[in-house]
Amino acid sequence: MGARRTRVLELAVLGLLYETPLHGYGLRKRLNSELGVFRAFSYGSLYPCLKEMLRQGHISQHPEETGFGRRPRIVYRLTEAGHEHLHGMLADVTPAACDDECFGVYFALFGHARSDLRLRILHGRRDRLLSRLEELRSRPSHTADDYLRELRRHGAESVEREIHWLDELIAREQRSAAPSPPQPGSPG
């Protein structure tokens, strides 16, 4: 697993454990269902990540009784050091935060990030998509293959929709971050 993919997996796990303690199967299920970028990853990726985060003190593990004759499940919880590490990772915005593989994870954790960081990621994602749209539009549109032409059109429309969505999010974020104007009759 590449360093960037390992980092985004770690960020996703920390973010999910921030919400609630989970066992390995629950983590994998939520990574797949809520953060679709992890659909193709295995327990072989998750458990080494959990082991490293345990070693670093970012998470702790606790046995949970499951019933008669069954071995206990291990439940993972975020530690105070894990909280700090999560916030540090969210504050360390790299260009990778805006790419297809990482953006969804960062976006899912926006509730834990400062407004200026959210705006930086949203603008970075928008810039990346504008470049992709320019590239799609610069390709020759004349092709004998109707399906290839439709695929290109669909790709451009999808990128345009995401840019429009990002524009709305950016505007909303800027409005909520802007100071309120003074009310008539109020001091100041």
C-alpha atoms as a PDB file:
ATOM      1  CA  MET A   1       0.000   0.000   0.000  1.00  0.00           C
ATOM      2  CA  GLY A   2       1.449   3.387  -0.984  1.00  0.00           C
ATOM      3  CA  ALA A   3       2.295   6.082   1.546  1.00  0.00           C
ATOM      4  CA  ARG A   4      -0.551   8.351   0.392  1.00  0.00           C
ATOM      5  CA  ARG A   5      -3.108   5.540   0.531  1.00  0.00           C
ATOM      6  CA  THR A   6      -1.828   4.550   3.998  1.00  0.00           C
ATOM      7  CA  ARG A   7      -2.178   8.162   5.158  1.00  0.00           C
ATOM      8  CA  VAL A   8      -5.724   8.504   3.869  1.00  0.00           C
ATOM      9  CA  LEU A   9      -6.680   5.152   5.451  1.00  0.00           C
ATOM     10  CA  GLU A  10      -5.225   6.330   8.765  1.00  0.00           C
ATOM     11  CA  LEU A  11      -7.129   9.619   8.491  1.00  0.00           C
ATOM     12  CA  ALA A  12     -10.373   7.784   7.702  1.00  0.00           C
ATOM     13  CA  VAL A  13      -9.954   5.355  10.612  1.00  0.00           C
ATOM     14  CA  LEU A  14      -9.175   8.171  13.047  1.00  0.00           C
ATOM     15  CA  GLY A  15     -12.209  10.101  11.797  1.00  0.00           C
ATOM     16  CA  LEU A  16     -14.539   7.122  12.205  1.00  0.00           C
ATOM     17  CA  LEU A  17     -13.189   6.346  15.675  1.00  0.00           C
ATOM     18  CA  TYR A  18     -13.635  10.006  16.602  1.00  0.00           C
ATOM     19  CA  GLU A  19     -17.376   9.419  16.204  1.00  0.00           C
ATOM     20  CA  THR A  20     -17.595   6.110  18.076  1.00  0.00           C
ATOM     21  CA  PRO A  21     -15.517   3.102  19.142  1.00  0.00           C
ATOM     22  CA  LEU A  22     -15.629   0.281  16.556  1.00  0.00           C
ATOM     23  CA  HIS A  23     -14.329  -3.231  16.061  1.00  0.00           C
ATOM     24  CA  GLY A  24     -12.370  -4.187  12.928  1.00  0.00           C
ATOM     25  CA  TYR A  25     -15.352  -5.507  10.964  1.00  0.00           C
ATOM     26  CA  GLY A  26     -17.394  -2.402  11.804  1.00  0.00           C
ATOM     27  CA  LEU A  27     -14.516  -0.169  10.710  1.00  0.00           C
ATOM     28  CA  ARG A  28     -14.142  -1.993   7.401  1.00  0.00           C
ATOM     29  CA  LYS A  29     -17.888  -1.895   6.773  1.00  0.00           C
ATOM     30  CA  ARG A  30     -18.099   1.865   7.415  1.00  0.00           C
ATOM     31  CA  LEU A  31     -14.974   2.561   5.354  1.00  0.00           C
ATOM     32  CA  ASN A  32     -16.610   0.759   2.444  1.00  0.00           C
ATOM     33  CA  SER A  33     -20.127   2.143   2.824  1.00  0.00           C
ATOM     34  CA  GLU A  34     -19.451   5.733   3.879  1.00  0.00           C
ATOM     35  CA  LEU A  35     -16.097   6.377   2.262  1.00  0.00           C
ATOM     36  CA  GLY A  36     -16.400   4.522  -1.035  1.00  0.00           C
ATOM     37  CA  VAL A  37     -12.742   5.097  -1.919  1.00  0.00           C
ATOM     38  CA  PHE A  38     -12.018   2.041   0.252  1.00  0.00           C
ATOM     39  CA  ARG A  39     -14.288  -0.423  -1.575  1.00  0.00           C
ATOM     40  CA  ALA A  40     -11.338  -2.420  -2.890  1.00  0.00           C
ATOM     41  CA  PHE A  41      -9.209  -2.611   0.226  1.00  0.00           C
ATOM     42  CA  SER A  42      -8.860  -5.634   2.483  1.00  0.00           C
ATOM     43  CA  TYR A  43      -8.362  -6.549   6.089  1.00  0.00           C
ATOM     44  CA  GLY A  44      -4.751  -7.007   5.026  1.00  0.00           C
ATOM     45  CA  SER A  45      -4.544  -3.215   4.742  1.00  0.00           C
ATOM     46  CA  LEU A  46      -6.693  -2.282   7.727  1.00  0.00           C
ATOM     47  CA  TYR A  47      -5.070  -4.385  10.431  1.00  0.00           C
ATOM     48  CA  PRO A  48      -1.469  -3.269   9.784  1.00  0.00           C
ATOM     49  CA  CYS A  49      -2.764   0.312   9.911  1.00  0.00           C
ATOM     50  CA  LEU A  50      -4.539  -0.372  13.233  1.00  0.00           C
ATOM     51  CA  LYS A  51      -1.414  -2.079  14.599  1.00  0.00           C
ATOM     52  CA  GLU A  52       0.736   0.950  13.723  1.00  0.00           C
ATOM     53  CA  MET A  53      -1.771   3.366  15.250  1.00  0.00           C
ATOM     54  CA  LEU A  54      -1.806   1.246  18.436  1.00  0.00           C
ATOM     55  CA  ARG A  55       1.998   1.350  18.518  1.00  0.00           C
ATOM     56  CA  GLN A  56       1.941   5.131  18.177  1.00  0.00           C
ATOM     57  CA  GLY A  57      -0.676   5.488  20.917  1.00  0.00           C
ATOM     58  CA  HIS A  58      -3.318   7.041  18.637  1.00  0.00           C
ATOM     59  CA  ILE A  59      -5.852   4.326  19.409  1.00  0.00           C
ATOM     60  CA  SER A  60      -6.426   1.782  22.179  1.00  0.00           C
ATOM     61  CA  GLN A  61      -8.021  -1.638  22.009  1.00  0.00           C
ATOM     62  CA  HIS A  62     -10.444  -3.246  24.428  1.00  0.00           C
ATOM     63  CA  PRO A  63     -12.029  -6.708  24.393  1.00  0.00           C
ATOM     64  CA  GLU A  64     -15.823  -6.789  24.118  1.00  0.00           C
ATOM     65  CA  GLU A  65     -17.714  -9.867  25.249  1.00  0.00           C
ATOM     66  CA  THR A  66     -19.756 -11.436  22.449  1.00  0.00           C
ATOM     67  CA  GLY A  67     -21.557 -14.305  24.189  1.00  0.00           C
ATOM     68  CA  PHE A  68     -21.201 -17.933  25.249  1.00  0.00           C
ATOM     69  CA  GLY A  69     -18.137 -19.694  23.944  1.00  0.00           C
ATOM     70  CA  ARG A  70     -17.230 -16.984  21.473  1.00  0.00           C
ATOM     71  CA  ARG A  71     -13.992 -15.138  21.744  1.00  0.00           C
ATOM     72  CA  PRO A  72     -14.301 -11.433  22.518  1.00  0.00           C
ATOM     73  CA  ARG A  73     -14.151  -8.892  19.705  1.00  0.00           C
ATOM     74  CA  ILE A  74     -11.540  -6.175  19.895  1.00  0.00           C
ATOM     75  CA  VAL A  75     -13.017  -2.691  19.999  1.00  0.00           C
ATOM     76  CA  TYR A  76     -10.812   0.247  18.998  1.00  0.00           C
ATOM     77  CA  ARG A  77     -11.090   3.671  20.610  1.00  0.00           C
ATOM     78  CA  LEU A  78      -9.419   6.969  19.820  1.00  0.00           C
ATOM     79  CA  THR A  79      -6.988   8.193  22.491  1.00  0.00           C
ATOM     80  CA  GLU A  80      -6.261  11.804  23.369  1.00  0.00           C
ATOM     81  CA  ALA A  81      -3.059  11.530  21.300  1.00  0.00           C
ATOM     82  CA  GLY A  82      -5.238  10.220  18.465  1.00  0.00           C
ATOM     83  CA  HIS A  83      -7.518  13.263  18.722  1.00  0.00           C
ATOM     84  CA  GLU A  84      -4.504  15.540  18.445  1.00  0.00           C
ATOM     85  CA  HIS A  85      -3.063  13.524  15.561  1.00  0.00           C
ATOM     86  CA  LEU A  86      -6.395  13.635  13.700  1.00  0.00           C
ATOM     87  CA  HIS A  87      -6.575  17.410  13.994  1.00  0.00           C
ATOM     88  CA  GLY A  88      -2.937  17.713  12.947  1.00  0.00           C
ATOM     89  CA  MET A  89      -3.559  15.569   9.868  1.00  0.00           C
ATOM     90  CA  LEU A  90      -6.612  17.648   8.953  1.00  0.00           C
ATOM     91  CA  ALA A  91      -4.586  20.848   9.307  1.00  0.00           C
ATOM     92  CA  ASP A  92      -1.771  19.498   7.116  1.00  0.00           C
ATOM     93  CA  VAL A  93      -3.514  20.035   3.793  1.00  0.00           C
ATOM     94  CA  THR A  94      -1.457  18.766   0.872  1.00  0.00           C
ATOM     95  CA  PRO A  95      -2.406  18.789  -2.822  1.00  0.00           C
ATOM     96  CA  ALA A  96      -3.365  15.113  -2.405  1.00  0.00           C
ATOM     97  CA  ALA A  97      -6.332  16.218  -0.254  1.00  0.00           C
ATOM     98  CA  CYS A  98      -7.960  17.459  -3.455  1.00  0.00           C
ATOM     99  CA  ASP A  99      -7.484  14.399  -5.642  1.00  0.00           C
ATOM    100  CA  ASP A 100     -10.035  11.717  -6.441  1.00  0.00           C
ATOM    101  CA  GLU A 101      -8.638   9.237  -3.927  1.00  0.00           C
ATOM    102  CA  CYS A 102      -8.453  11.532  -0.893  1.00  0.00           C
ATOM    103  CA  PHE A 103     -11.035  14.283  -1.319  1.00  0.00           C
ATOM    104  CA  GLY A 104     -14.006  12.215  -0.122  1.00  0.00           C
ATOM    105  CA  VAL A 105     -12.234  11.297   3.112  1.00  0.00           C
ATOM    106  CA  TYR A 106     -11.267  14.894   3.847  1.00  0.00           C
ATOM    107  CA  PHE A 107     -14.763  16.065   2.940  1.00  0.00           C
ATOM    108  CA  ALA A 108     -16.345  13.484   5.264  1.00  0.00           C
ATOM    109  CA  LEU A 109     -14.234  14.943   8.092  1.00  0.00           C
ATOM    110  CA  PHE A 110     -14.937  18.610   7.332  1.00  0.00           C
ATOM    111  CA  GLY A 111     -16.938  18.898  10.557  1.00  0.00           C
ATOM    112  CA  HIS A 112     -13.653  18.526  12.451  1.00  0.00           C
ATOM    113  CA  ALA A 113     -11.687  21.046  10.350  1.00  0.00           C
ATOM    114  CA  ARG A 114     -11.422  24.826  10.518  1.00  0.00           C
ATOM    115  CA  SER A 115     -13.234  26.904   7.918  1.00  0.00           C
ATOM    116  CA  ASP A 116     -10.009  28.161   6.298  1.00  0.00           C
ATOM    117  CA  LEU A 117      -8.840  24.564   5.775  1.00  0.00           C
ATOM    118  CA  ARG A 118     -12.193  23.534   4.326  1.00  0.00           C
ATOM    119  CA  LEU A 119     -12.030  26.450   1.900  1.00  0.00           C
ATOM    120  CA  ARG A 120      -8.478  25.590   0.895  1.00  0.00           C
ATOM    121  CA  ILE A 121      -9.467  22.000   0.110  1.00  0.00           C
ATOM    122  CA  LEU A 122     -12.643  23.040  -1.728  1.00  0.00           C
ATOM    123  CA  HIS A 123     -10.729  25.562  -3.857  1.00  0.00           C
ATOM    124  CA  GLY A 124      -7.981  23.023  -4.534  1.00  0.00           C
ATOM    125  CA  ARG A 125     -10.515  20.424  -5.625  1.00  0.00           C
ATOM    126  CA  ARG A 126     -12.266  22.988  -7.841  1.00  0.00           C
ATOM    127  CA  ASP A 127      -8.967  24.007  -9.480  1.00  0.00           C
ATOM    128  CA  ARG A 128      -8.104  20.361 -10.111  1.00  0.00           C
ATOM    129  CA  LEU A 129     -11.496  19.757 -11.735  1.00  0.00           C
ATOM    130  CA  LEU A 130     -11.259  22.899 -13.861  1.00  0.00           C
ATOM    131  CA  SER A 131      -7.968  21.563 -15.243  1.00  0.00           C
ATOM    132  CA  ARG A 132      -9.568  18.186 -15.913  1.00  0.00           C
ATOM    133  CA  LEU A 133     -12.508  19.854 -17.669  1.00  0.00           C
ATOM    134  CA  GLU A 134     -10.154  21.895 -19.849  1.00  0.00           C
ATOM    135  CA  GLU A 135      -8.328  18.697 -20.759  1.00  0.00           C
ATOM    136  CA  LEU A 136     -11.593  16.913 -21.603  1.00  0.00           C
ATOM    137  CA  ARG A 137     -12.741  19.806 -23.766  1.00  0.00           C
ATOM    138  CA  SER A 138      -9.415  20.014 -25.598  1.00  0.00           C
ATOM    139  CA  ARG A 139      -9.665  16.440 -26.851  1.00  0.00           C
ATOM    140  CA  PRO A 140     -10.875  16.114 -30.412  1.00  0.00           C
ATOM    141  CA  SER A 141     -14.657  15.715 -30.350  1.00  0.00           C
ATOM    142  CA  HIS A 142     -14.846  14.068 -33.738  1.00  0.00           C
ATOM    143  CA  THR A 143     -14.521  10.333 -33.433  1.00  0.00           C
ATOM    144  CA  ALA A 144     -16.152   7.570 -35.382  1.00  0.00           C
ATOM    145  CA  ASP A 145     -17.016   5.765 -32.151  1.00  0.00           C
ATOM    146  CA  ASP A 146     -20.355   7.028 -30.810  1.00  0.00           C
ATOM    147  CA  TYR A 147     -19.797   5.336 -27.454  1.00  0.00           C
ATOM    148  CA  LEU A 148     -16.412   6.936 -26.904  1.00  0.00           C
ATOM    149  CA  ARG A 149     -17.912  10.330 -27.770  1.00  0.00           C
ATOM    150  CA  GLU A 150     -20.757   9.724 -25.272  1.00  0.00           C
ATOM    151  CA  LEU A 151     -18.321   8.616 -22.603  1.00  0.00           C
ATOM    152  CA  ARG A 152     -16.325  11.831 -23.041  1.00  0.00           C
ATOM    153  CA  ARG A 153     -19.500  13.931 -22.948  1.00  0.00           C
ATOM    154  CA  HIS A 154     -20.661  12.152 -19.807  1.00  0.00           C
ATOM    155  CA  GLY A 155     -17.247  12.689 -18.181  1.00  0.00           C
ATOM    156  CA  ALA A 156     -17.311  16.416 -18.955  1.00  0.00           C
ATOM    157  CA  GLU A 157     -20.869  16.772 -17.637  1.00  0.00           C
ATOM    158  CA  SER A 158     -19.948  14.947 -14.420  1.00  0.00           C
ATOM    159  CA  VAL A 159     -16.987  17.265 -13.867  1.00  0.00           C
ATOM    160  CA  GLU A 160     -19.153  20.322 -14.598  1.00  0.00           C
ATOM    161  CA  ARG A 161     -21.741  19.143 -12.019  1.00  0.00           C
ATOM    162  CA  GLU A 162     -19.068  18.649  -9.386  1.00  0.00           C
ATOM    163  CA  ILE A 163     -17.612  22.115 -10.096  1.00  0.00           C
ATOM    164  CA  HIS A 164     -21.090  23.639  -9.701  1.00  0.00           C
ATOM    165  CA  TRP A 165     -21.542  21.746  -6.419  1.00  0.00           C
ATOM    166  CA  LEU A 166     -18.142  22.964  -5.187  1.00  0.00           C
ATOM    167  CA  ASP A 167     -19.010  26.552  -6.145  1.00  0.00           C
ATOM    168  CA  GLU A 168     -22.122  26.302  -3.973  1.00  0.00           C
ATOM    169  CA  LEU A 169     -20.164  24.823  -1.062  1.00  0.00           C
ATOM    170  CA  ILE A 170     -17.482  27.495  -1.336  1.00  0.00           C
ATOM    171  CA  ALA A 171     -20.086  30.270  -1.370  1.00  0.00           C
ATOM    172  CA  ARG A 172     -21.863  28.766   1.652  1.00  0.00           C
ATOM    173  CA  GLU A 173     -18.582  28.343   3.524  1.00  0.00           C
ATOM    174  CA  GLN A 174     -17.554  31.938   2.762  1.00  0.00           C
ATOM    175  CA  ARG A 175     -20.925  33.249   3.955  1.00  0.00           C
ATOM    176  CA  SER A 176     -20.716  31.329   7.220  1.00  0.00           C
ATOM    177  CA  ALA A 177     -17.109  32.439   7.809  1.00  0.00           C
ATOM    178  CA  ALA A 178     -17.815  36.122   7.084  1.00  0.00           C
ATOM    179  CA  PRO A 179     -18.436  38.335  10.106  1.00  0.00           C
ATOM    180  CA  SER A 180     -22.017  39.449  10.507  1.00  0.00           C
ATOM    181  CA  PRO A 181     -22.696  43.101   9.661  1.00  0.00           C
ATOM    182  CA  PRO A 182     -23.660  45.287  12.631  1.00  0.00           C
ATOM    183  CA  GLN A 183     -27.392  45.472  13.245  1.00  0.00           C
ATOM    184  CA  PRO A 184     -29.130  48.878  13.118  1.00  0.00           C
ATOM    185  CA  GLY A 185     -29.252  50.447  16.553  1.00  0.00           C
ATOM    186  CA  SER A 186     -26.524  48.218  17.969  1.00  0.00           C
ATOM    187  CA  PRO A 187     -23.308  49.745  19.304  1.00  0.00           C
ATOM    188  CA  GLY A 188     -20.198  49.463  17.229  1.00  0.00           C
END
